Amino acid sequence: MDEIQHFTVPRARTIALYPDHVETAFDQGLWAARAAANTKQRGGGFARPCPPLFPEPGGRHTQRAFRDALADLLPGLHGWAPTLRIADFDVLGWLNDSDAALRMKTLLADKDVT
């Protein structure tokens, strides 16, 4: 499940660079918009430098955006099913409810992965 730390400005930048033909099982536009809107980045461990590739302050945000992009882009290159992403805002209101299984089936059907 993608939580708030997956919705960052670096993540919005990676999504904006996806080729038009990249297929995902999530709404790329929604993810990019949510990420771009989250201009207040969390600090601490969520933003620590991650040498050697991401040594700058906020490096962990950049590293996470890079890894998420790899997870989105590589399946199509290998003929695998597209990456499914479920955000915390998709499920937090009902994840522990008694009808969660049914609601999850509906969510997956909406994402066209059932």
N, C-alpha and C. Protein backbone atom coordinates (compact mmCIF):
# COMPACT_ATOMS: atom_id res chain seq x y z
N MET A 1 0.85 -1.17 0.00
CA MET A 1 0.00 0.00 0.00
C MET A 1 0.90 1.23 0.00
N ASP A 2 0.60 2.16 -0.88
CA ASP A 2 1.36 3.41 -0.94
C ASP A 2 0.81 4.38 0.10
N GLU A 3 1.69 4.74 1.04
CA GLU A 3 1.34 5.70 2.07
C GLU A 3 1.89 7.07 1.67
N ILE A 4 1.72 8.04 2.53
CA ILE A 4 2.04 9.43 2.22
C ILE A 4 3.48 9.60 1.73
N GLN A 5 4.41 8.79 2.23
CA GLN A 5 5.80 8.96 1.81
C GLN A 5 6.03 8.57 0.35
N HIS A 6 5.06 7.93 -0.29
CA HIS A 6 5.15 7.61 -1.71
C HIS A 6 4.59 8.74 -2.59
N PHE A 7 4.04 9.75 -1.98
CA PHE A 7 3.46 10.89 -2.70
C PHE A 7 4.30 12.12 -2.42
N THR A 8 5.36 12.27 -3.20
CA THR A 8 6.33 13.34 -3.01
C THR A 8 6.59 14.03 -4.35
N VAL A 9 7.20 15.18 -4.29
CA VAL A 9 7.55 15.89 -5.52
C VAL A 9 8.48 15.04 -6.39
N PRO A 10 9.50 14.36 -5.82
CA PRO A 10 10.31 13.50 -6.69
C PRO A 10 9.47 12.41 -7.38
N ARG A 11 8.46 11.90 -6.71
CA ARG A 11 7.61 10.89 -7.33
C ARG A 11 6.79 11.49 -8.48
N ALA A 12 6.29 12.69 -8.29
CA ALA A 12 5.56 13.37 -9.37
C ALA A 12 6.46 13.54 -10.59
N ARG A 13 7.73 13.87 -10.34
CA ARG A 13 8.68 14.04 -11.45
C ARG A 13 8.90 12.73 -12.21
N THR A 14 9.01 11.62 -11.48
CA THR A 14 9.25 10.35 -12.18
C THR A 14 8.05 9.97 -13.03
N ILE A 15 6.86 10.12 -12.50
CA ILE A 15 5.66 9.77 -13.26
C ILE A 15 5.53 10.63 -14.51
N ALA A 16 5.88 11.89 -14.39
CA ALA A 16 5.80 12.80 -15.55
C ALA A 16 6.72 12.35 -16.69
N LEU A 17 7.75 11.58 -16.38
CA LEU A 17 8.70 11.12 -17.39
C LEU A 17 8.33 9.78 -18.02
N TYR A 18 7.25 9.15 -17.54
CA TYR A 18 6.86 7.86 -18.11
C TYR A 18 6.47 8.02 -19.58
N PRO A 19 6.92 7.09 -20.42
CA PRO A 19 6.44 7.11 -21.81
C PRO A 19 4.93 6.90 -21.84
N ASP A 20 4.28 7.39 -22.86
CA ASP A 20 2.81 7.30 -22.96
C ASP A 20 2.31 5.86 -22.99
N HIS A 21 3.11 4.93 -23.47
CA HIS A 21 2.65 3.54 -23.62
C HIS A 21 2.75 2.72 -22.33
N VAL A 22 3.29 3.29 -21.25
CA VAL A 22 3.44 2.52 -20.00
C VAL A 22 2.08 2.24 -19.42
N GLU A 23 1.81 0.95 -19.22
CA GLU A 23 0.53 0.52 -18.65
C GLU A 23 0.72 0.23 -17.17
N THR A 24 -0.15 0.80 -16.36
CA THR A 24 -0.16 0.52 -14.92
C THR A 24 -1.59 0.23 -14.49
N ALA A 25 -1.72 -0.44 -13.37
CA ALA A 25 -3.04 -0.73 -12.81
C ALA A 25 -3.35 0.27 -11.70
N PHE A 26 -3.05 1.51 -11.96
CA PHE A 26 -3.41 2.63 -11.10
C PHE A 26 -3.48 3.86 -11.98
N ASP A 27 -4.14 4.88 -11.50
CA ASP A 27 -4.31 6.11 -12.27
C ASP A 27 -3.06 6.98 -12.13
N GLN A 28 -2.22 6.97 -13.15
CA GLN A 28 -0.97 7.72 -13.10
C GLN A 28 -1.21 9.21 -12.87
N GLY A 29 -2.25 9.75 -13.49
CA GLY A 29 -2.56 11.16 -13.31
C GLY A 29 -2.91 11.50 -11.87
N LEU A 30 -3.71 10.64 -11.25
CA LEU A 30 -4.08 10.85 -9.84
C LEU A 30 -2.85 10.76 -8.95
N TRP A 31 -2.01 9.75 -9.19
CA TRP A 31 -0.80 9.59 -8.37
C TRP A 31 0.10 10.81 -8.52
N ALA A 32 0.30 11.27 -9.75
CA ALA A 32 1.15 12.43 -10.00
C ALA A 32 0.59 13.68 -9.34
N ALA A 33 -0.72 13.87 -9.44
CA ALA A 33 -1.35 15.05 -8.85
C ALA A 33 -1.22 15.03 -7.33
N ARG A 34 -1.48 13.88 -6.72
CA ARG A 34 -1.35 13.76 -5.26
C ARG A 34 0.09 14.00 -4.84
N ALA A 35 1.03 13.46 -5.62
CA ALA A 35 2.44 13.63 -5.29
C ALA A 35 2.87 15.09 -5.42
N ALA A 36 2.47 15.74 -6.50
CA ALA A 36 2.86 17.13 -6.73
C ALA A 36 2.26 18.06 -5.67
N ALA A 37 1.09 17.71 -5.17
CA ALA A 37 0.42 18.55 -4.17
C ALA A 37 1.07 18.43 -2.79
N ASN A 38 1.83 17.38 -2.58
CA ASN A 38 2.44 17.14 -1.28
C ASN A 38 3.80 17.83 -1.21
N THR A 39 3.79 19.16 -1.14
CA THR A 39 5.03 19.92 -1.18
C THR A 39 5.74 19.96 0.17
N LYS A 40 5.04 19.63 1.24
CA LYS A 40 5.68 19.59 2.56
C LYS A 40 6.19 18.16 2.77
N GLN A 41 7.49 17.99 2.59
CA GLN A 41 8.09 16.68 2.71
C GLN A 41 8.35 16.33 4.17
N ARG A 42 8.13 15.07 4.50
CA ARG A 42 8.44 14.61 5.84
C ARG A 42 9.94 14.54 6.01
N GLY A 43 10.40 14.81 7.20
CA GLY A 43 11.82 14.76 7.49
C GLY A 43 12.20 13.46 8.20
N GLY A 44 13.27 13.53 8.94
CA GLY A 44 13.73 12.37 9.69
C GLY A 44 14.14 11.23 8.78
N GLY A 45 13.87 10.01 9.20
CA GLY A 45 14.23 8.83 8.42
C GLY A 45 13.57 8.78 7.07
N PHE A 46 12.42 9.44 6.94
CA PHE A 46 11.72 9.45 5.65
C PHE A 46 12.48 10.26 4.60
N ALA A 47 13.41 11.11 5.04
CA ALA A 47 14.10 12.01 4.11
C ALA A 47 15.61 11.91 4.19
N ARG A 48 16.12 11.00 4.97
CA ARG A 48 17.57 10.93 5.19
C ARG A 48 18.33 10.75 3.86
N PRO A 49 19.58 11.21 3.83
CA PRO A 49 20.41 10.93 2.66
C PRO A 49 20.61 9.42 2.52
N CYS A 50 20.73 8.93 1.30
CA CYS A 50 20.93 7.50 1.03
C CYS A 50 22.08 7.32 0.05
N PRO A 51 23.32 7.52 0.54
CA PRO A 51 24.47 7.34 -0.34
C PRO A 51 24.56 5.88 -0.79
N PRO A 52 25.20 5.59 -1.89
CA PRO A 52 25.95 6.53 -2.72
C PRO A 52 25.11 7.17 -3.81
N LEU A 53 23.95 6.62 -4.17
CA LEU A 53 23.20 7.15 -5.30
C LEU A 53 22.36 8.38 -4.97
N PHE A 54 21.93 8.50 -3.73
CA PHE A 54 21.04 9.60 -3.34
C PHE A 54 21.57 10.27 -2.08
N PRO A 55 22.74 10.90 -2.15
CA PRO A 55 23.40 11.42 -0.95
C PRO A 55 22.87 12.76 -0.45
N GLU A 56 22.00 13.41 -1.21
CA GLU A 56 21.53 14.74 -0.85
C GLU A 56 20.48 14.67 0.27
N PRO A 57 20.26 15.79 0.97
CA PRO A 57 19.14 15.82 1.90
C PRO A 57 17.85 15.49 1.14
N GLY A 58 17.01 14.70 1.74
CA GLY A 58 15.81 14.24 1.04
C GLY A 58 16.08 13.06 0.14
N GLY A 59 17.27 12.50 0.25
CA GLY A 59 17.67 11.40 -0.61
C GLY A 59 16.75 10.19 -0.55
N ARG A 60 16.20 9.92 0.62
CA ARG A 60 15.30 8.77 0.73
C ARG A 60 14.04 8.99 -0.10
N HIS A 61 13.54 10.21 -0.17
CA HIS A 61 12.38 10.50 -1.02
C HIS A 61 12.72 10.22 -2.49
N THR A 62 13.90 10.65 -2.91
CA THR A 62 14.32 10.42 -4.29
C THR A 62 14.53 8.94 -4.55
N GLN A 63 15.14 8.25 -3.60
CA GLN A 63 15.35 6.81 -3.75
C GLN A 63 14.03 6.06 -3.87
N ARG A 64 13.06 6.43 -3.04
CA ARG A 64 11.75 5.77 -3.08
C ARG A 64 11.06 6.03 -4.42
N ALA A 65 11.15 7.26 -4.92
CA ALA A 65 10.55 7.60 -6.21
C ALA A 65 11.19 6.78 -7.33
N PHE A 66 12.51 6.63 -7.28
CA PHE A 66 13.23 5.83 -8.27
C PHE A 66 12.79 4.37 -8.22
N ARG A 67 12.73 3.81 -7.03
CA ARG A 67 12.32 2.41 -6.89
C ARG A 67 10.88 2.19 -7.33
N ASP A 68 10.00 3.12 -6.98
CA ASP A 68 8.61 3.01 -7.42
C ASP A 68 8.53 3.06 -8.95
N ALA A 69 9.33 3.93 -9.55
CA ALA A 69 9.33 4.02 -11.02
C ALA A 69 9.81 2.72 -11.64
N LEU A 70 10.85 2.12 -11.08
CA LEU A 70 11.31 0.83 -11.60
C LEU A 70 10.19 -0.22 -11.50
N ALA A 71 9.50 -0.23 -10.37
CA ALA A 71 8.41 -1.20 -10.20
C ALA A 71 7.28 -0.97 -11.19
N ASP A 72 7.08 0.27 -11.61
CA ASP A 72 6.03 0.59 -12.58
C ASP A 72 6.46 0.29 -14.01
N LEU A 73 7.72 0.53 -14.33
CA LEU A 73 8.20 0.46 -15.71
C LEU A 73 8.67 -0.94 -16.14
N LEU A 74 9.29 -1.68 -15.26
CA LEU A 74 9.88 -2.95 -15.65
C LEU A 74 8.90 -4.06 -16.02
N PRO A 75 7.74 -4.19 -15.38
CA PRO A 75 6.84 -5.28 -15.77
C PRO A 75 6.50 -5.29 -17.25
N GLY A 76 6.22 -4.16 -17.82
CA GLY A 76 5.88 -4.10 -19.24
C GLY A 76 7.02 -4.54 -20.14
N LEU A 77 8.25 -4.32 -19.72
CA LEU A 77 9.41 -4.74 -20.50
C LEU A 77 9.59 -6.26 -20.51
N HIS A 78 9.00 -6.92 -19.52
CA HIS A 78 9.15 -8.37 -19.38
C HIS A 78 7.87 -9.13 -19.71
N GLY A 79 6.84 -8.42 -20.16
CA GLY A 79 5.58 -9.07 -20.48
C GLY A 79 4.76 -9.47 -19.27
N TRP A 80 5.03 -8.87 -18.14
CA TRP A 80 4.30 -9.17 -16.91
C TRP A 80 3.08 -8.26 -16.79
N ALA A 81 2.20 -8.60 -15.88
CA ALA A 81 1.03 -7.77 -15.60
C ALA A 81 1.50 -6.41 -15.08
N PRO A 82 0.73 -5.36 -15.35
CA PRO A 82 1.13 -4.03 -14.89
C PRO A 82 1.10 -3.92 -13.36
N THR A 83 1.88 -3.00 -12.87
CA THR A 83 1.96 -2.76 -11.43
C THR A 83 0.63 -2.23 -10.91
N LEU A 84 0.17 -2.84 -9.85
CA LEU A 84 -1.03 -2.40 -9.14
C LEU A 84 -0.59 -1.59 -7.93
N ARG A 85 -1.12 -0.42 -7.79
CA ARG A 85 -0.86 0.39 -6.60
C ARG A 85 -2.19 0.71 -5.94
N ILE A 86 -2.21 0.53 -4.64
CA ILE A 86 -3.36 0.91 -3.83
C ILE A 86 -2.83 1.91 -2.82
N ALA A 87 -3.45 3.05 -2.76
CA ALA A 87 -3.01 4.11 -1.85
C ALA A 87 -3.76 4.01 -0.53
N ASP A 88 -3.14 4.53 0.49
CA ASP A 88 -3.81 4.54 1.78
C ASP A 88 -5.14 5.28 1.70
N PHE A 89 -5.22 6.33 0.89
CA PHE A 89 -6.48 7.06 0.77
C PHE A 89 -7.57 6.24 0.09
N ASP A 90 -7.19 5.16 -0.61
CA ASP A 90 -8.17 4.26 -1.23
C ASP A 90 -8.88 3.40 -0.20
N VAL A 91 -8.20 3.05 0.91
CA VAL A 91 -8.72 2.00 1.79
C VAL A 91 -8.81 2.35 3.27
N LEU A 92 -8.20 3.40 3.72
CA LEU A 92 -8.12 3.64 5.16
C LEU A 92 -9.47 3.79 5.84
N GLY A 93 -10.46 4.29 5.15
CA GLY A 93 -11.76 4.48 5.77
C GLY A 93 -12.52 3.19 6.04
N TRP A 94 -12.12 2.09 5.38
CA TRP A 94 -12.91 0.87 5.51
C TRP A 94 -12.10 -0.42 5.62
N LEU A 95 -10.79 -0.34 5.65
CA LEU A 95 -9.95 -1.52 5.61
C LEU A 95 -10.23 -2.53 6.72
N ASN A 96 -10.64 -2.06 7.87
CA ASN A 96 -10.91 -2.95 8.99
C ASN A 96 -12.40 -3.23 9.20
N ASP A 97 -13.23 -2.80 8.27
CA ASP A 97 -14.67 -3.03 8.39
C ASP A 97 -15.02 -4.47 8.00
N SER A 98 -16.19 -4.90 8.40
CA SER A 98 -16.62 -6.28 8.12
C SER A 98 -16.81 -6.53 6.62
N ASP A 99 -17.08 -5.50 5.84
CA ASP A 99 -17.27 -5.67 4.40
C ASP A 99 -16.01 -5.34 3.59
N ALA A 100 -14.85 -5.38 4.24
CA ALA A 100 -13.60 -5.01 3.58
C ALA A 100 -13.29 -5.89 2.37
N ALA A 101 -13.55 -7.18 2.47
CA ALA A 101 -13.25 -8.08 1.35
C ALA A 101 -14.07 -7.70 0.12
N LEU A 102 -15.34 -7.42 0.31
CA LEU A 102 -16.19 -7.02 -0.80
C LEU A 102 -15.74 -5.67 -1.37
N ARG A 103 -15.43 -4.75 -0.49
CA ARG A 103 -14.98 -3.43 -0.96
C ARG A 103 -13.65 -3.52 -1.70
N MET A 104 -12.78 -4.44 -1.27
CA MET A 104 -11.51 -4.62 -1.97
C MET A 104 -11.76 -5.20 -3.37
N LYS A 105 -12.70 -6.14 -3.47
CA LYS A 105 -13.03 -6.68 -4.80
C LYS A 105 -13.54 -5.58 -5.72
N THR A 106 -14.35 -4.69 -5.18
CA THR A 106 -14.86 -3.57 -5.96
C THR A 106 -13.72 -2.64 -6.38
N LEU A 107 -12.83 -2.35 -5.44
CA LEU A 107 -11.68 -1.49 -5.75
C LEU A 107 -10.83 -2.10 -6.86
N LEU A 108 -10.57 -3.40 -6.77
CA LEU A 108 -9.76 -4.07 -7.80
C LEU A 108 -10.47 -4.10 -9.14
N ALA A 109 -11.80 -4.27 -9.12
CA ALA A 109 -12.57 -4.23 -10.36
C ALA A 109 -12.48 -2.85 -10.99
N ASP A 110 -12.52 -1.80 -10.17
CA ASP A 110 -12.39 -0.44 -10.67
C ASP A 110 -11.02 -0.18 -11.28
N LYS A 111 -10.01 -0.87 -10.76
CA LYS A 111 -8.66 -0.74 -11.30
C LYS A 111 -8.43 -1.72 -12.44
N ASP A 112 -9.47 -2.49 -12.77
CA ASP A 112 -9.46 -3.42 -13.90
C ASP A 112 -8.39 -4.49 -13.76
N VAL A 113 -8.30 -5.11 -12.57
CA VAL A 113 -7.32 -6.17 -12.35
C VAL A 113 -7.95 -7.44 -11.78
N THR A 114 -9.26 -7.55 -11.84
CA THR A 114 -9.89 -8.76 -11.28
C THR A 114 -9.91 -9.87 -12.30
